[in-house]
């Protein structure tokens, strides 16, 4: 069993497709299929079920995926320690961030880091808060950034920024002209929200609670998978929402969105990292930029 076979297996497991996995690895489909076949034949175990063009992990494959990722993470950690010797002239840094942080707060820091250390290859994965924690735990990210606290004992966290929240409606909404709403109006409103598991959804619920709305008082008309889709639905007049001011800023300036003058709590952005993994110089220098 080789590291290359493990990389191919993990790619096929994640893509659930031989051709797509081959493309991500810059290999031919035949080479990818041969690597999987060699693993299965060598160990006399079936890792994938093949039904037509689709492939799915078997129960054995699911168990093996956890171990394969752990081995690759240890290999990456060993390589990273050697890269440290190059004095940041070579190396890589894998970042993971929840959507608001990754799309709006983090890019200027990434640009500054790249200008200082152009030889460090930066990779950024964007998901929701739960996904960020999972990527750190299985070694697919070195540093994580999330919009809320994460309940994972293996991860350390600290606050790195504060985020202002705004309750917004579209320009044609009845609340837009008066820029406020009564508690009864808030209860009667339809709301647009992010999906469960996102930091923005948690803070949305917390913010409405601060305004006096219990969870049962809130009618979620649409549940959408990104800040941009939520913002677009509100602009179109589908309802109201609570967003980071970072997300709403440009559309507030253009007048497409209107912020209500209602007091909302701020929220914190957190830096996350695995407590037991080696902290490379590349990691440390990125953290220094944050302050």
C-alpha atoms as a PDB file:
ATOM      1  CA  UNK A   1       0.000   0.000   0.000  1.00  0.00           C
ATOM      2  CA  UNK A   2       1.402   3.388  -1.020  1.00  0.00           C
ATOM      3  CA  UNK A   3       0.564   6.979  -0.149  1.00  0.00           C
ATOM      4  CA  UNK A   4      -0.401   7.516  -3.793  1.00  0.00           C
ATOM      5  CA  UNK A   5      -2.946   4.683  -3.568  1.00  0.00           C
ATOM      6  CA  UNK A   6      -4.356   6.243  -0.398  1.00  0.00           C
ATOM      7  CA  UNK A   7      -4.639   9.675  -2.080  1.00  0.00           C
ATOM      8  CA  UNK A   8      -6.461   8.098  -5.022  1.00  0.00           C
ATOM      9  CA  UNK A   9      -8.796   6.150  -2.730  1.00  0.00           C
ATOM     10  CA  UNK A  10      -9.700   9.282  -0.722  1.00  0.00           C
ATOM     11  CA  UNK A  11     -10.305  11.293  -3.908  1.00  0.00           C
ATOM     12  CA  UNK A  12     -12.593   8.610  -5.358  1.00  0.00           C
ATOM     13  CA  UNK A  13     -14.446   8.321  -2.035  1.00  0.00           C
ATOM     14  CA  UNK A  14     -15.008  12.094  -1.897  1.00  0.00           C
ATOM     15  CA  UNK A  15     -15.996  12.477  -5.552  1.00  0.00           C
ATOM     16  CA  UNK A  16     -17.963   9.198  -5.764  1.00  0.00           C
ATOM     17  CA  UNK A  17     -16.856   9.109  -9.389  1.00  0.00           C
ATOM     18  CA  UNK A  18     -13.712   7.668 -11.032  1.00  0.00           C
ATOM     19  CA  UNK A  19     -13.430  10.240 -13.820  1.00  0.00           C
ATOM     20  CA  UNK A  20     -13.917  13.282 -11.555  1.00  0.00           C
ATOM     21  CA  UNK A  21     -11.414  11.887  -9.053  1.00  0.00           C
ATOM     22  CA  UNK A  22      -8.894  11.313 -11.838  1.00  0.00           C
ATOM     23  CA  UNK A  23      -9.351  14.896 -13.037  1.00  0.00           C
ATOM     24  CA  UNK A  24      -8.750  16.367  -9.548  1.00  0.00           C
ATOM     25  CA  UNK A  25      -5.561  14.285  -9.252  1.00  0.00           C
ATOM     26  CA  UNK A  26      -4.427  14.973 -12.845  1.00  0.00           C
ATOM     27  CA  UNK A  27      -4.344  11.228 -13.559  1.00  0.00           C
ATOM     28  CA  UNK A  28      -5.912   9.094 -16.243  1.00  0.00           C
ATOM     29  CA  UNK A  29      -9.101   7.220 -15.403  1.00  0.00           C
ATOM     30  CA  UNK A  30      -7.339   3.914 -16.069  1.00  0.00           C
ATOM     31  CA  UNK A  31      -4.568   4.722 -13.586  1.00  0.00           C
ATOM     32  CA  UNK A  32      -7.152   5.710 -10.973  1.00  0.00           C
ATOM     33  CA  UNK A  33      -9.208   2.554 -11.498  1.00  0.00           C
ATOM     34  CA  UNK A  34      -6.062   0.402 -11.401  1.00  0.00           C
ATOM     35  CA  UNK A  35      -5.005   1.862  -8.051  1.00  0.00           C
ATOM     36  CA  UNK A  36      -8.383   1.074  -6.484  1.00  0.00           C
ATOM     37  CA  UNK A  37      -8.406  -2.422  -7.992  1.00  0.00           C
ATOM     38  CA  UNK A  38      -4.894  -3.068  -6.648  1.00  0.00           C
ATOM     39  CA  UNK A  39      -5.957  -2.086  -3.134  1.00  0.00           C
ATOM     40  CA  UNK A  40      -9.036  -4.300  -3.246  1.00  0.00           C
ATOM     41  CA  UNK A  41      -7.184  -7.290  -4.689  1.00  0.00           C
ATOM     42  CA  UNK A  42      -4.153  -6.996  -2.386  1.00  0.00           C
ATOM     43  CA  UNK A  43      -6.313  -6.968   0.741  1.00  0.00           C
ATOM     44  CA  UNK A  44      -9.221  -9.083  -0.539  1.00  0.00           C
ATOM     45  CA  UNK A  45     -11.824  -6.519   0.438  1.00  0.00           C
ATOM     46  CA  UNK A  46     -14.375  -4.577  -1.585  1.00  0.00           C
ATOM     47  CA  UNK A  47     -14.105  -0.825  -0.956  1.00  0.00           C
ATOM     48  CA  UNK A  48     -16.758   0.418  -3.408  1.00  0.00           C
ATOM     49  CA  UNK A  49     -20.075  -0.806  -4.733  1.00  0.00           C
ATOM     50  CA  UNK A  50     -20.444  -0.090  -8.436  1.00  0.00           C
ATOM     51  CA  UNK A  51     -23.990   0.404  -9.726  1.00  0.00           C
ATOM     52  CA  UNK A  52     -24.000   1.562 -13.340  1.00  0.00           C
ATOM     53  CA  UNK A  53     -21.870   4.704 -13.518  1.00  0.00           C
ATOM     54  CA  UNK A  54     -22.247   5.415  -9.812  1.00  0.00           C
ATOM     55  CA  UNK A  55     -19.948   4.222  -7.050  1.00  0.00           C
ATOM     56  CA  UNK A  56     -20.541   4.241  -3.300  1.00  0.00           C
ATOM     57  CA  UNK A  57     -18.362   3.286  -0.361  1.00  0.00           C
ATOM     58  CA  UNK A  58     -19.051  -0.109   1.178  1.00  0.00           C
ATOM     59  CA  UNK A  59     -19.102  -0.384   4.972  1.00  0.00           C
ATOM     60  CA  UNK A  60     -15.465  -1.509   4.809  1.00  0.00           C
ATOM     61  CA  UNK A  61     -14.659   1.453   2.587  1.00  0.00           C
ATOM     62  CA  UNK A  62     -16.192   3.893   5.070  1.00  0.00           C
ATOM     63  CA  UNK A  63     -14.043   2.502   7.879  1.00  0.00           C
ATOM     64  CA  UNK A  64     -10.936   2.556   5.688  1.00  0.00           C
ATOM     65  CA  UNK A  65     -11.589   6.181   4.651  1.00  0.00           C
ATOM     66  CA  UNK A  66     -11.082   7.384   8.243  1.00  0.00           C
ATOM     67  CA  UNK A  67      -7.756   5.560   8.493  1.00  0.00           C
ATOM     68  CA  UNK A  68      -6.597   6.670   5.035  1.00  0.00           C
ATOM     69  CA  UNK A  69      -7.258  10.318   5.853  1.00  0.00           C
ATOM     70  CA  UNK A  70      -5.375   9.950   9.150  1.00  0.00           C
ATOM     71  CA  UNK A  71      -2.326   8.482   7.381  1.00  0.00           C
ATOM     72  CA  UNK A  72      -2.351  11.236   4.749  1.00  0.00           C
ATOM     73  CA  UNK A  73      -2.669  13.873   7.465  1.00  0.00           C
ATOM     74  CA  UNK A  74       0.391  12.467   9.251  1.00  0.00           C
ATOM     75  CA  UNK A  75       2.294  12.396   5.960  1.00  0.00           C
ATOM     76  CA  UNK A  76       1.345  16.019   5.295  1.00  0.00           C
ATOM     77  CA  UNK A  77       2.457  16.958   8.815  1.00  0.00           C
ATOM     78  CA  UNK A  78       5.860  15.322   8.235  1.00  0.00           C
ATOM     79  CA  UNK A  79       6.241  17.132   4.918  1.00  0.00           C
ATOM     80  CA  UNK A  80       5.234  20.413   6.540  1.00  0.00           C
ATOM     81  CA  UNK A  81       7.960  20.081   9.170  1.00  0.00           C
ATOM     82  CA  UNK A  82      10.526  19.670   6.394  1.00  0.00           C
ATOM     83  CA  UNK A  83       9.100  22.670   4.573  1.00  0.00           C
ATOM     84  CA  UNK A  84       9.800  24.720   7.697  1.00  0.00           C
ATOM     85  CA  UNK A  85      13.515  24.251   6.981  1.00  0.00           C
ATOM     86  CA  UNK A  86      13.087  26.149   3.726  1.00  0.00           C
ATOM     87  CA  UNK A  87      12.431  29.354   5.668  1.00  0.00           C
ATOM     88  CA  UNK A  88       8.951  29.885   4.211  1.00  0.00           C
ATOM     89  CA  UNK A  89      10.291  29.875   0.650  1.00  0.00           C
ATOM     90  CA  UNK A  90       8.302  26.708  -0.003  1.00  0.00           C
ATOM     91  CA  UNK A  91       5.360  25.077   1.682  1.00  0.00           C
ATOM     92  CA  UNK A  92       1.606  25.128   1.928  1.00  0.00           C
ATOM     93  CA  UNK A  93      -1.114  26.348   4.232  1.00  0.00           C
ATOM     94  CA  UNK A  94      -4.635  24.913   4.192  1.00  0.00           C
ATOM     95  CA  UNK A  95      -7.309  27.251   5.528  1.00  0.00           C
ATOM     96  CA  UNK A  96     -10.959  26.509   6.230  1.00  0.00           C
ATOM     97  CA  UNK A  97     -13.570  29.143   6.921  1.00  0.00           C
ATOM     98  CA  UNK A  98     -17.285  29.512   7.339  1.00  0.00           C
ATOM     99  CA  UNK A  99     -18.955  31.548   4.626  1.00  0.00           C
ATOM    100  CA  UNK A 100     -19.052  35.058   6.060  1.00  0.00           C
ATOM    101  CA  UNK A 101     -15.465  34.869   7.287  1.00  0.00           C
ATOM    102  CA  UNK A 102     -14.156  33.162   4.161  1.00  0.00           C
ATOM    103  CA  UNK A 103     -15.887  35.371   1.625  1.00  0.00           C
ATOM    104  CA  UNK A 104     -15.696  38.772   3.313  1.00  0.00           C
ATOM    105  CA  UNK A 105     -13.262  39.004   6.254  1.00  0.00           C
ATOM    106  CA  UNK A 106     -10.438  36.650   5.302  1.00  0.00           C
ATOM    107  CA  UNK A 107      -9.546  37.658   1.680  1.00  0.00           C
ATOM    108  CA  UNK A 108      -7.559  40.830   2.604  1.00  0.00           C
ATOM    109  CA  UNK A 109      -5.476  38.773   5.063  1.00  0.00           C
ATOM    110  CA  UNK A 110      -4.849  36.111   2.428  1.00  0.00           C
ATOM    111  CA  UNK A 111      -3.687  38.774  -0.025  1.00  0.00           C
ATOM    112  CA  UNK A 112      -1.291  40.309   2.533  1.00  0.00           C
ATOM    113  CA  UNK A 113       0.107  36.879   3.393  1.00  0.00           C
ATOM    114  CA  UNK A 114       0.630  35.999  -0.261  1.00  0.00           C
ATOM    115  CA  UNK A 115       2.495  39.237  -0.879  1.00  0.00           C
ATOM    116  CA  UNK A 116       4.827  38.467   2.047  1.00  0.00           C
ATOM    117  CA  UNK A 117       5.300  34.742   1.331  1.00  0.00           C
ATOM    118  CA  UNK A 118       4.597  34.074  -2.373  1.00  0.00           C
ATOM    119  CA  UNK A 119       6.209  30.633  -2.161  1.00  0.00           C
ATOM    120  CA  UNK A 120       3.576  29.343   0.274  1.00  0.00           C
ATOM    121  CA  UNK A 121       0.688  27.694  -1.562  1.00  0.00           C
ATOM    122  CA  UNK A 122      -2.584  28.751   0.051  1.00  0.00           C
ATOM    123  CA  UNK A 123      -5.717  26.611  -0.130  1.00  0.00           C
ATOM    124  CA  UNK A 124      -9.049  27.862   1.210  1.00  0.00           C
ATOM    125  CA  UNK A 125     -12.075  25.643   1.809  1.00  0.00           C
ATOM    126  CA  UNK A 126     -15.378  27.377   2.561  1.00  0.00           C
ATOM    127  CA  UNK A 127     -18.288  25.628   4.267  1.00  0.00           C
ATOM    128  CA  UNK A 128     -20.450  26.063   7.313  1.00  0.00           C
ATOM    129  CA  UNK A 129     -19.131  26.072  10.881  1.00  0.00           C
ATOM    130  CA  UNK A 130     -19.650  22.327  11.377  1.00  0.00           C
ATOM    131  CA  UNK A 131     -17.729  21.553   8.181  1.00  0.00           C
ATOM    132  CA  UNK A 132     -14.821  23.784   9.247  1.00  0.00           C
ATOM    133  CA  UNK A 133     -14.513  21.847  12.509  1.00  0.00           C
ATOM    134  CA  UNK A 134     -14.644  18.514  10.651  1.00  0.00           C
ATOM    135  CA  UNK A 135     -11.895  19.579   8.215  1.00  0.00           C
ATOM    136  CA  UNK A 136      -9.626  20.540  11.114  1.00  0.00           C
ATOM    137  CA  UNK A 137     -10.305  17.315  12.984  1.00  0.00           C
ATOM    138  CA  UNK A 138      -9.500  15.049  10.024  1.00  0.00           C
ATOM    139  CA  UNK A 139      -6.403  17.006   8.984  1.00  0.00           C
ATOM    140  CA  UNK A 140      -7.698  18.605   5.807  1.00  0.00           C
ATOM    141  CA  UNK A 141      -7.117  22.124   7.200  1.00  0.00           C
ATOM    142  CA  UNK A 142      -4.323  23.673   9.255  1.00  0.00           C
ATOM    143  CA  UNK A 143      -6.203  26.739  10.502  1.00  0.00           C
ATOM    144  CA  UNK A 144      -9.940  27.307  10.701  1.00  0.00           C
ATOM    145  CA  UNK A 145     -12.096  30.408  11.034  1.00  0.00           C
ATOM    146  CA  UNK A 146     -15.706  30.258  12.189  1.00  0.00           C
ATOM    147  CA  UNK A 147     -18.548  32.559  13.130  1.00  0.00           C
ATOM    148  CA  UNK A 148     -19.357  30.883  16.427  1.00  0.00           C
ATOM    149  CA  UNK A 149     -18.010  28.660  19.171  1.00  0.00           C
ATOM    150  CA  UNK A 150     -17.305  25.056  18.232  1.00  0.00           C
ATOM    151  CA  UNK A 151     -17.896  22.200  20.668  1.00  0.00           C
ATOM    152  CA  UNK A 152     -14.826  20.084  19.906  1.00  0.00           C
ATOM    153  CA  UNK A 153     -12.375  19.381  22.765  1.00  0.00           C
ATOM    154  CA  UNK A 154      -9.546  18.625  20.317  1.00  0.00           C
ATOM    155  CA  UNK A 155      -9.700  22.156  18.889  1.00  0.00           C
ATOM    156  CA  UNK A 156      -8.424  25.353  20.481  1.00  0.00           C
ATOM    157  CA  UNK A 157     -10.210  28.620  19.733  1.00  0.00           C
ATOM    158  CA  UNK A 158      -9.788  32.318  20.319  1.00  0.00           C
ATOM    159  CA  UNK A 159     -11.669  35.415  19.249  1.00  0.00           C
ATOM    160  CA  UNK A 160      -9.977  37.316  16.408  1.00  0.00           C
ATOM    161  CA  UNK A 161     -12.657  39.831  15.367  1.00  0.00           C
ATOM    162  CA  UNK A 162     -16.103  41.183  16.167  1.00  0.00           C
ATOM    163  CA  UNK A 163     -18.870  41.296  13.581  1.00  0.00           C
ATOM    164  CA  UNK A 164     -21.756  43.780  13.496  1.00  0.00           C
ATOM    165  CA  UNK A 165     -25.191  42.384  12.656  1.00  0.00           C
ATOM    166  CA  UNK A 166     -28.042  44.122  10.865  1.00  0.00           C
ATOM    167  CA  UNK A 167     -31.711  43.255  10.368  1.00  0.00           C
ATOM    168  CA  UNK A 168     -32.399  44.002   6.703  1.00  0.00           C
ATOM    169  CA  UNK A 169     -35.307  44.107   4.271  1.00  0.00           C
ATOM    170  CA  UNK A 170     -35.606  44.880   0.577  1.00  0.00           C
ATOM    171  CA  UNK A 171     -36.197  48.469  -0.565  1.00  0.00           C
ATOM    172  CA  UNK A 172     -39.850  47.696  -1.417  1.00  0.00           C
ATOM    173  CA  UNK A 173     -40.615  46.104   1.964  1.00  0.00           C
ATOM    174  CA  UNK A 174     -43.206  47.912   4.170  1.00  0.00           C
ATOM    175  CA  UNK A 175     -40.604  48.357   6.929  1.00  0.00           C
ATOM    176  CA  UNK A 176     -38.046  50.009   4.649  1.00  0.00           C
ATOM    177  CA  UNK A 177     -39.505  53.524   4.846  1.00  0.00           C
ATOM    178  CA  UNK A 178     -39.920  53.663   8.626  1.00  0.00           C
ATOM    179  CA  UNK A 179     -36.734  51.605   9.298  1.00  0.00           C
ATOM    180  CA  UNK A 180     -38.245  49.873  12.313  1.00  0.00           C
ATOM    181  CA  UNK A 181     -40.838  47.237  13.235  1.00  0.00           C
ATOM    182  CA  UNK A 182     -42.953  46.376  16.255  1.00  0.00           C
ATOM    183  CA  UNK A 183     -42.738  43.018  18.008  1.00  0.00           C
ATOM    184  CA  UNK A 184     -46.083  42.002  16.495  1.00  0.00           C
ATOM    185  CA  UNK A 185     -44.831  42.927  13.019  1.00  0.00           C
ATOM    186  CA  UNK A 186     -41.681  40.881  13.587  1.00  0.00           C
ATOM    187  CA  UNK A 187     -43.800  37.900  14.650  1.00  0.00           C
ATOM    188  CA  UNK A 188     -46.030  38.229  11.578  1.00  0.00           C
ATOM    189  CA  UNK A 189     -43.136  38.536   9.146  1.00  0.00           C
ATOM    190  CA  UNK A 190     -41.742  35.856   6.880  1.00  0.00           C
ATOM    191  CA  UNK A 191     -38.004  35.286   7.337  1.00  0.00           C
ATOM    192  CA  UNK A 192     -35.170  34.116   5.107  1.00  0.00           C
ATOM    193  CA  UNK A 193     -32.482  32.087   6.868  1.00  0.00           C
ATOM    194  CA  UNK A 194     -29.296  30.100   6.274  1.00  0.00           C
ATOM    195  CA  UNK A 195     -29.272  26.336   6.700  1.00  0.00           C
ATOM    196  CA  UNK A 196     -29.026  24.588  10.070  1.00  0.00           C
ATOM    197  CA  UNK A 197     -25.364  24.016  11.043  1.00  0.00           C
ATOM    198  CA  UNK A 198     -24.162  27.406   9.808  1.00  0.00           C
ATOM    199  CA  UNK A 199     -22.805  30.032  12.188  1.00  0.00           C
ATOM    200  CA  UNK A 200     -25.020  32.623  10.505  1.00  0.00           C
ATOM    201  CA  UNK A 201     -28.151  30.560  11.298  1.00  0.00           C
ATOM    202  CA  UNK A 202     -27.192  30.355  14.964  1.00  0.00           C
ATOM    203  CA  UNK A 203     -26.612  34.082  15.218  1.00  0.00           C
ATOM    204  CA  UNK A 204     -29.839  34.749  13.281  1.00  0.00           C
ATOM    205  CA  UNK A 205     -31.802  32.845  15.932  1.00  0.00           C
ATOM    206  CA  UNK A 206     -29.894  34.532  18.751  1.00  0.00           C
ATOM    207  CA  UNK A 207     -30.502  37.997  17.299  1.00  0.00           C
ATOM    208  CA  UNK A 208     -34.243  37.438  16.927  1.00  0.00           C
ATOM    209  CA  UNK A 209     -34.390  36.153  20.503  1.00  0.00           C
ATOM    210  CA  UNK A 210     -32.779  39.425  21.618  1.00  0.00           C
ATOM    211  CA  UNK A 211     -35.647  41.256  19.890  1.00  0.00           C
ATOM    212  CA  UNK A 212     -38.204  39.188  21.816  1.00  0.00           C
ATOM    213  CA  UNK A 213     -39.005  36.489  19.251  1.00  0.00           C
ATOM    214  CA  UNK A 214     -39.122  32.924  20.457  1.00  0.00           C
ATOM    215  CA  UNK A 215     -38.200  30.187  18.001  1.00  0.00           C
ATOM    216  CA  UNK A 216     -41.863  29.216  17.563  1.00  0.00           C
ATOM    217  CA  UNK A 217     -42.689  32.856  16.723  1.00  0.00           C
ATOM    218  CA  UNK A 218     -40.427  32.824  13.665  1.00  0.00           C
ATOM    219  CA  UNK A 219     -41.834  31.743  10.304  1.00  0.00           C
ATOM    220  CA  UNK A 220     -38.978  30.632   8.047  1.00  0.00           C
ATOM    221  CA  UNK A 221     -40.234  31.100   4.495  1.00  0.00           C
ATOM    222  CA  UNK A 222     -36.970  30.117   2.807  1.00  0.00           C
ATOM    223  CA  UNK A 223     -33.893  28.277   4.079  1.00  0.00           C
ATOM    224  CA  UNK A 224     -30.944  28.846   1.734  1.00  0.00           C
ATOM    225  CA  UNK A 225     -27.355  27.532   1.606  1.00  0.00           C
ATOM    226  CA  UNK A 226     -25.359  30.775   1.238  1.00  0.00           C
ATOM    227  CA  UNK A 227     -25.263  34.376   2.421  1.00  0.00           C
ATOM    228  CA  UNK A 228     -25.531  35.546  -1.177  1.00  0.00           C
ATOM    229  CA  UNK A 229     -28.712  33.569  -1.859  1.00  0.00           C
ATOM    230  CA  UNK A 230     -30.269  34.858   1.381  1.00  0.00           C
ATOM    231  CA  UNK A 231     -29.321  38.427   0.471  1.00  0.00           C
ATOM    232  CA  UNK A 232     -30.733  38.014  -3.044  1.00  0.00           C
ATOM    233  CA  UNK A 233     -34.037  36.638  -1.762  1.00  0.00           C
ATOM    234  CA  UNK A 234     -34.429  39.556   0.655  1.00  0.00           C
ATOM    235  CA  UNK A 235     -33.638  42.080  -2.090  1.00  0.00           C
ATOM    236  CA  UNK A 236     -36.343  40.399  -4.196  1.00  0.00           C
ATOM    237  CA  UNK A 237     -38.866  41.010  -1.427  1.00  0.00           C
ATOM    238  CA  UNK A 238     -39.224  37.481  -0.030  1.00  0.00           C
ATOM    239  CA  UNK A 239     -38.946  38.580   3.620  1.00  0.00           C
ATOM    240  CA  UNK A 240     -36.538  39.867   6.253  1.00  0.00           C
ATOM    241  CA  UNK A 241     -33.288  38.464   7.606  1.00  0.00           C
ATOM    242  CA  UNK A 242     -30.350  39.129   9.916  1.00  0.00           C
ATOM    243  CA  UNK A 243     -26.977  39.367   8.160  1.00  0.00           C
ATOM    244  CA  UNK A 244     -23.430  40.357   8.899  1.00  0.00           C
ATOM    245  CA  UNK A 245     -22.876  43.987   7.968  1.00  0.00           C
ATOM    246  CA  UNK A 246     -19.900  42.730   5.938  1.00  0.00           C
ATOM    247  CA  UNK A 247     -22.313  40.767   3.710  1.00  0.00           C
ATOM    248  CA  UNK A 248     -24.902  43.543   3.459  1.00  0.00           C
ATOM    249  CA  UNK A 249     -22.571  46.552   3.154  1.00  0.00           C
ATOM    250  CA  UNK A 250     -22.526  47.101  -0.626  1.00  0.00           C
ATOM    251  CA  UNK A 251     -26.259  46.545  -1.060  1.00  0.00           C
ATOM    252  CA  UNK A 252     -26.977  48.873   1.862  1.00  0.00           C
ATOM    253  CA  UNK A 253     -24.946  51.577   0.110  1.00  0.00           C
ATOM    254  CA  UNK A 254     -26.779  50.994  -3.180  1.00  0.00           C
ATOM    255  CA  UNK A 255     -30.179  51.130  -1.454  1.00  0.00           C
ATOM    256  CA  UNK A 256     -31.201  47.619  -2.540  1.00  0.00           C
ATOM    257  CA  UNK A 257     -31.270  46.629   1.131  1.00  0.00           C
ATOM    258  CA  UNK A 258     -32.413  48.748   4.071  1.00  0.00           C
ATOM    259  CA  UNK A 259     -31.188  48.184   7.648  1.00  0.00           C
ATOM    260  CA  UNK A 260     -33.707  48.604  10.438  1.00  0.00           C
ATOM    261  CA  UNK A 261     -32.796  50.661  13.481  1.00  0.00           C
ATOM    262  CA  UNK A 262     -33.179  47.811  15.942  1.00  0.00           C
ATOM    263  CA  UNK A 263     -30.511  46.863  18.510  1.00  0.00           C
ATOM    264  CA  UNK A 264     -28.780  43.585  17.724  1.00  0.00           C
ATOM    265  CA  UNK A 265     -25.929  41.781  19.490  1.00  0.00           C
ATOM    266  CA  UNK A 266     -22.547  41.520  17.790  1.00  0.00           C
ATOM    267  CA  UNK A 267     -20.887  38.165  17.234  1.00  0.00           C
ATOM    268  CA  UNK A 268     -17.316  36.947  17.342  1.00  0.00           C
ATOM    269  CA  UNK A 269     -15.143  35.394  14.657  1.00  0.00           C
ATOM    270  CA  UNK A 270     -12.971  32.563  16.020  1.00  0.00           C
ATOM    271  CA  UNK A 271      -9.595  31.188  14.997  1.00  0.00           C
ATOM    272  CA  UNK A 272      -9.527  27.389  15.388  1.00  0.00           C
ATOM    273  CA  UNK A 273      -6.684  24.906  15.278  1.00  0.00           C
ATOM    274  CA  UNK A 274      -6.035  21.303  16.309  1.00  0.00           C
ATOM    275  CA  UNK A 275      -4.324  21.192  19.703  1.00  0.00           C
ATOM    276  CA  UNK A 276      -2.183  18.141  18.927  1.00  0.00           C
ATOM    277  CA  UNK A 277      -0.951  18.994  15.440  1.00  0.00           C
ATOM    278  CA  UNK A 278       2.421  20.585  14.778  1.00  0.00           C
ATOM    279  CA  UNK A 279       2.152  24.328  14.221  1.00  0.00           C
ATOM    280  CA  UNK A 280       4.332  25.195  11.240  1.00  0.00           C
ATOM    281  CA  UNK A 281       6.054  28.502  10.615  1.00  0.00           C
ATOM    282  CA  UNK A 282       3.563  29.071   7.805  1.00  0.00           C
ATOM    283  CA  UNK A 283       0.732  28.725  10.361  1.00  0.00           C
ATOM    284  CA  UNK A 284       2.422  31.020  12.846  1.00  0.00           C
ATOM    285  CA  UNK A 285       3.089  33.791  10.353  1.00  0.00           C
ATOM    286  CA  UNK A 286      -0.535  33.789   9.217  1.00  0.00           C
ATOM    287  CA  UNK A 287      -1.708  34.036  12.828  1.00  0.00           C
ATOM    288  CA  UNK A 288       0.704  36.963  13.373  1.00  0.00           C
ATOM    289  CA  UNK A 289      -1.029  38.913  10.605  1.00  0.00           C
ATOM    290  CA  UNK A 290      -4.302  38.638  12.511  1.00  0.00           C
ATOM    291  CA  UNK A 291      -2.763  40.033  15.668  1.00  0.00           C
END
